[in-house]
Amino acid sequence: MTHHSISTKPIPTNERLIMALDFPSIPEAQALVEELGDSVVFYKVGMEIFMAGDYFAFIEWLKARHKKIFVDLKFFDIPATVGRAIKALSSKGVDMATIHGNDSIMQAAAKEKEDLKVLAVTALTSLDRGDLDDLGFQCDVQQLVLSRAKRALAIGCDGIVSSGLEVPMLRENLDHKLLVITPGVRPVDNRVEDDQKRVVTVEQAFQNGADYIVIGRPIRDAENRKQMADKIQAQIASQFKC
């Protein structure tokens, strides 16, 4: 694989790593943020932590520490409701948020986003072909992801969340303006059996054209979490040295 797919967007290299704060309590998430210090700038806050306590106070706490915030709640509701949710997040200074759904939901979100980057979820990384058959999608995963990504960009969303396996095809077929966030990334020495079926390594994700990667368990469960974060940041930096 040549380097032609490497992202050229002006994103500070240390912000390309998004750490998933998947914890059952806010104090545990705060402890990790404190422990990682300057090693991680960007954090993903999702459903688990949303249920754990005062989500918005936690967002304020992260902002006070000059962290960037990716709200991963995959909004899926009537368009007006999703639009209002996106507007509320934008006013809180959140950097990115995910939505799920059809054209009218994406349109409503794009209309209200202001400085917030809206990301459409294409196909969850825990799905495989059998799951898609069960859901009634006759098309191939790649075609599903590509058609959703094309529509999201045309409607005014900023990017998509996509398994690293589909990114090369997206980069070949779509405008480079599209932001691509790849979840379920695993460092090479962390090949654990888990529920993310379509995973890639840090290097592969960026070689394939991702702008950002989301990593959770490999850092969260490491013996020395800061050291693991620094190691991954070094792997990312090595991909962006011209």
Protein backbone atom coordinates (compact mmCIF):
# COMPACT_ATOMS: atom_id res chain seq x y z
CA MET A 1 0.00 0.00 0.00
CA THR A 2 1.48 3.33 -1.02
CA HIS A 3 1.30 6.43 1.12
CA HIS A 4 -0.95 8.29 -1.32
CA SER A 5 -3.95 7.81 0.97
CA ILE A 6 -2.36 9.41 4.03
CA SER A 7 -4.49 12.28 5.26
CA THR A 8 -3.21 15.72 4.31
CA LYS A 9 -5.74 17.64 6.40
CA PRO A 10 -4.19 20.23 8.72
CA ILE A 11 -4.92 18.28 11.89
CA PRO A 12 -2.31 18.45 14.69
CA THR A 13 -0.83 14.95 14.76
CA ASN A 14 -1.42 14.45 18.48
CA GLU A 15 -5.15 15.15 17.94
CA ARG A 16 -5.53 12.27 15.49
CA LEU A 17 -5.77 9.83 18.39
CA ILE A 18 -9.23 9.88 19.97
CA MET A 19 -9.40 8.00 23.25
CA ALA A 20 -12.74 6.35 24.01
CA LEU A 21 -13.80 6.99 27.60
CA ASP A 22 -15.97 3.91 27.96
CA PHE A 23 -16.38 3.72 31.73
CA PRO A 24 -19.33 2.96 33.99
CA SER A 25 -18.58 6.02 36.15
CA ILE A 26 -17.39 9.56 35.59
CA PRO A 27 -14.71 9.46 38.34
CA GLU A 28 -13.04 6.51 36.56
CA ALA A 29 -13.03 8.46 33.29
CA GLN A 30 -11.64 11.54 35.04
CA ALA A 31 -8.90 9.47 36.66
CA LEU A 32 -7.81 8.23 33.22
CA VAL A 33 -7.83 11.74 31.72
CA GLU A 34 -5.67 12.97 34.61
CA GLU A 35 -3.34 9.98 34.26
CA LEU A 36 -2.89 10.49 30.50
CA GLY A 37 -2.23 14.23 30.93
CA ASP A 38 -0.81 15.76 27.73
CA SER A 39 -0.52 12.38 26.00
CA VAL A 40 -4.11 12.56 24.74
CA VAL A 41 -5.96 15.67 23.56
CA PHE A 42 -9.14 14.24 22.06
CA TYR A 43 -11.72 12.15 23.94
CA LYS A 44 -14.81 10.27 22.87
CA VAL A 45 -17.69 10.26 25.32
CA GLY A 46 -20.44 7.82 24.48
CA MET A 47 -23.50 6.04 25.75
CA GLU A 48 -21.92 4.29 28.74
CA ILE A 49 -20.69 7.49 30.35
CA PHE A 50 -23.88 9.31 29.35
CA MET A 51 -25.72 6.93 31.68
CA ALA A 52 -23.12 7.30 34.45
CA GLY A 53 -23.88 10.75 35.84
CA ASP A 54 -23.84 14.40 34.85
CA TYR A 55 -22.66 14.11 31.26
CA PHE A 56 -22.65 17.83 30.55
CA ALA A 57 -20.75 18.68 33.72
CA PHE A 58 -18.18 16.11 32.55
CA ILE A 59 -17.99 17.79 29.11
CA GLU A 60 -17.36 21.12 30.89
CA TRP A 61 -14.67 19.42 32.99
CA LEU A 62 -12.94 18.15 29.83
CA LYS A 63 -13.18 21.57 28.17
CA ALA A 64 -11.64 23.22 31.24
CA ARG A 65 -8.64 20.93 30.61
CA HIS A 66 -8.47 22.08 26.96
CA LYS A 67 -9.54 18.71 25.64
CA LYS A 68 -11.40 18.15 22.39
CA ILE A 69 -14.64 16.26 22.66
CA PHE A 70 -16.32 13.75 20.40
CA VAL A 71 -19.88 12.98 21.56
CA ASP A 72 -20.74 9.52 20.28
CA LEU A 73 -24.44 9.09 20.99
CA LYS A 74 -25.46 8.16 17.42
CA PHE A 75 -28.59 10.27 17.42
CA PHE A 76 -31.48 8.60 15.62
CA ASP A 77 -34.89 10.21 16.00
CA ILE A 78 -37.28 12.42 14.09
CA PRO A 79 -35.23 15.05 12.20
CA ALA A 80 -36.36 18.05 14.26
CA THR A 81 -35.32 16.30 17.48
CA VAL A 82 -31.90 15.37 16.10
CA GLY A 83 -31.47 18.94 14.84
CA ARG A 84 -32.17 20.34 18.31
CA ALA A 85 -29.79 17.85 19.94
CA ILE A 86 -26.99 18.84 17.54
CA LYS A 87 -27.68 22.55 18.14
CA ALA A 88 -27.48 22.01 21.92
CA LEU A 89 -24.16 20.16 21.62
CA SER A 90 -22.75 22.81 19.32
CA SER A 91 -23.57 25.49 21.91
CA LYS A 92 -21.61 23.49 24.51
CA GLY A 93 -18.45 23.63 22.42
CA VAL A 94 -18.37 19.95 21.49
CA ASP A 95 -16.07 19.26 18.51
CA MET A 96 -17.70 16.22 16.87
CA ALA A 97 -20.89 14.22 17.22
CA THR A 98 -22.36 11.13 15.58
CA ILE A 99 -25.77 10.69 14.03
CA HIS A 100 -27.39 7.64 12.52
CA GLY A 101 -30.07 7.63 9.94
CA ASN A 102 -31.59 8.72 6.69
CA ASP A 103 -31.28 11.82 4.54
CA SER A 104 -33.77 13.94 6.47
CA ILE A 105 -32.01 13.24 9.79
CA MET A 106 -28.65 14.12 8.22
CA GLN A 107 -30.12 17.31 6.72
CA ALA A 108 -31.51 18.46 10.06
CA ALA A 109 -28.17 17.84 11.77
CA ALA A 110 -26.16 19.59 9.02
CA LYS A 111 -28.44 22.63 9.27
CA GLU A 112 -27.92 23.11 13.02
CA LYS A 113 -24.27 22.13 13.45
CA GLU A 114 -22.44 25.49 13.28
CA ASP A 115 -18.83 24.71 14.33
CA LEU A 116 -19.62 21.17 15.38
CA LYS A 117 -18.47 18.45 12.97
CA VAL A 118 -21.31 16.03 12.27
CA LEU A 119 -20.34 12.45 11.51
CA ALA A 120 -22.71 9.90 10.00
CA VAL A 121 -22.31 6.32 11.15
CA THR A 122 -22.11 4.09 8.07
CA ALA A 123 -22.07 0.49 9.35
CA LEU A 124 -21.09 -0.34 12.92
CA THR A 125 -17.70 -2.04 13.25
CA SER A 126 -19.31 -4.85 15.22
CA LEU A 127 -21.34 -5.92 12.16
CA ASP A 128 -20.26 -8.51 9.63
CA ARG A 129 -21.89 -9.92 6.49
CA GLY A 130 -24.20 -12.27 8.43
CA ASP A 131 -25.48 -9.40 10.56
CA LEU A 132 -26.19 -7.30 7.47
CA ASP A 133 -28.12 -10.21 5.91
CA ASP A 134 -30.18 -10.42 9.09
CA LEU A 135 -30.92 -6.70 8.87
CA GLY A 136 -32.07 -7.14 5.29
CA PHE A 137 -29.22 -5.30 3.56
CA GLN A 138 -28.70 -7.22 0.34
CA CYS A 139 -25.79 -5.08 -0.78
CA ASP A 140 -22.19 -5.61 0.09
CA VAL A 141 -20.84 -3.85 3.20
CA GLN A 142 -18.52 -1.70 1.09
CA GLN A 143 -21.34 -0.55 -1.19
CA LEU A 144 -23.53 0.26 1.81
CA VAL A 145 -20.75 2.32 3.41
CA LEU A 146 -19.94 4.13 0.15
CA SER A 147 -23.54 5.05 -0.65
CA ARG A 148 -24.13 6.32 2.88
CA ALA A 149 -20.90 8.31 2.86
CA LYS A 150 -21.74 9.90 -0.52
CA ARG A 151 -25.15 10.96 0.72
CA ALA A 152 -23.79 12.27 4.03
CA LEU A 153 -21.25 14.47 2.23
CA ALA A 154 -23.78 15.72 -0.33
CA ILE A 155 -26.21 16.66 2.44
CA GLY A 156 -23.61 18.66 4.39
CA CYS A 157 -22.29 16.31 7.05
CA ASP A 158 -18.56 16.63 7.71
CA GLY A 159 -17.56 13.04 7.80
CA ILE A 160 -18.27 9.47 8.67
CA VAL A 161 -17.32 6.80 11.12
CA SER A 162 -16.05 3.83 9.15
CA SER A 163 -14.17 0.61 9.73
CA GLY A 164 -10.60 0.89 8.46
CA LEU A 165 -11.32 -1.81 5.90
CA GLU A 166 -13.66 0.43 3.90
CA VAL A 167 -11.57 3.60 3.97
CA PRO A 168 -9.38 2.96 0.86
CA MET A 169 -12.53 2.59 -1.23
CA LEU A 170 -13.97 5.79 0.26
CA ARG A 171 -10.78 7.68 -0.51
CA GLU A 172 -10.82 6.45 -4.12
CA ASN A 173 -14.45 7.38 -4.66
CA LEU A 174 -15.05 10.47 -2.58
CA ASP A 175 -13.90 14.02 -2.11
CA HIS A 176 -10.98 14.32 0.32
CA LYS A 177 -13.00 16.90 2.27
CA LEU A 178 -14.76 13.98 3.93
CA LEU A 179 -13.47 13.38 7.46
CA VAL A 180 -13.00 9.69 8.22
CA ILE A 181 -12.88 8.46 11.79
CA THR A 182 -11.92 4.80 12.19
CA PRO A 183 -12.95 3.05 15.41
CA GLY A 184 -11.98 -0.39 16.63
CA VAL A 185 -8.28 0.16 15.95
CA ARG A 186 -5.91 -2.28 17.65
CA PRO A 187 -2.17 -1.88 18.14
CA VAL A 188 -0.39 -4.91 16.66
CA ASP A 189 0.48 -6.44 20.02
CA ASN A 190 -3.09 -6.19 21.22
CA ARG A 191 -4.94 -8.71 19.08
CA VAL A 192 -7.59 -9.53 21.61
CA GLU A 193 -10.71 -11.43 20.68
CA ASP A 194 -13.53 -8.97 21.12
CA ASP A 195 -16.75 -7.73 19.60
CA GLN A 196 -15.21 -5.48 16.94
CA LYS A 197 -15.18 -7.70 13.88
CA ARG A 198 -13.67 -5.33 11.35
CA VAL A 199 -10.48 -4.06 12.98
CA VAL A 200 -7.18 -2.70 11.64
CA THR A 201 -3.88 -1.65 13.21
CA VAL A 202 -2.86 1.96 13.85
CA GLU A 203 -0.56 2.02 10.82
CA GLN A 204 -3.10 0.35 8.52
CA ALA A 205 -5.84 2.78 9.55
CA PHE A 206 -3.78 5.80 8.51
CA GLN A 207 -2.26 4.14 5.42
CA ASN A 208 -5.84 3.46 4.36
CA GLY A 209 -6.68 7.15 4.67
CA ALA A 210 -8.26 7.69 8.09
CA ASP A 211 -8.07 11.22 9.52
CA TYR A 212 -8.62 10.09 13.11
CA ILE A 213 -8.63 6.78 14.94
CA VAL A 214 -10.57 5.85 18.05
CA ILE A 215 -8.88 3.59 20.57
CA GLY A 216 -10.35 2.44 23.86
CA ARG A 217 -9.48 -0.86 25.47
CA PRO A 218 -5.83 -1.11 24.34
CA ILE A 219 -5.08 2.05 26.38
CA ARG A 220 -7.69 1.58 29.09
CA ASP A 221 -6.58 -1.98 29.89
CA ALA A 222 -2.81 -1.42 29.54
CA GLU A 223 -0.59 -1.88 32.56
CA ASN A 224 0.91 1.57 32.04
CA ARG A 225 -1.78 3.58 30.30
CA LYS A 226 0.21 6.75 29.68
CA GLN A 227 3.07 4.73 28.23
CA MET A 228 0.66 2.92 25.89
CA ALA A 229 -0.90 6.24 24.78
CA ASP A 230 2.57 7.67 24.10
CA LYS A 231 3.50 4.56 22.13
CA ILE A 232 0.41 4.89 19.94
CA GLN A 233 1.05 8.63 19.48
CA ALA A 234 4.58 7.75 18.31
CA GLN A 235 3.15 5.22 15.84
CA ILE A 236 0.80 7.90 14.50
CA ALA A 237 3.58 10.51 14.28
CA SER A 238 5.73 8.06 12.29
CA GLN A 239 2.98 7.85 9.66
CA PHE A 240 2.91 11.62 9.18
CA LYS A 241 6.63 12.29 8.84
CA CYS A 242 7.05 13.39 5.25
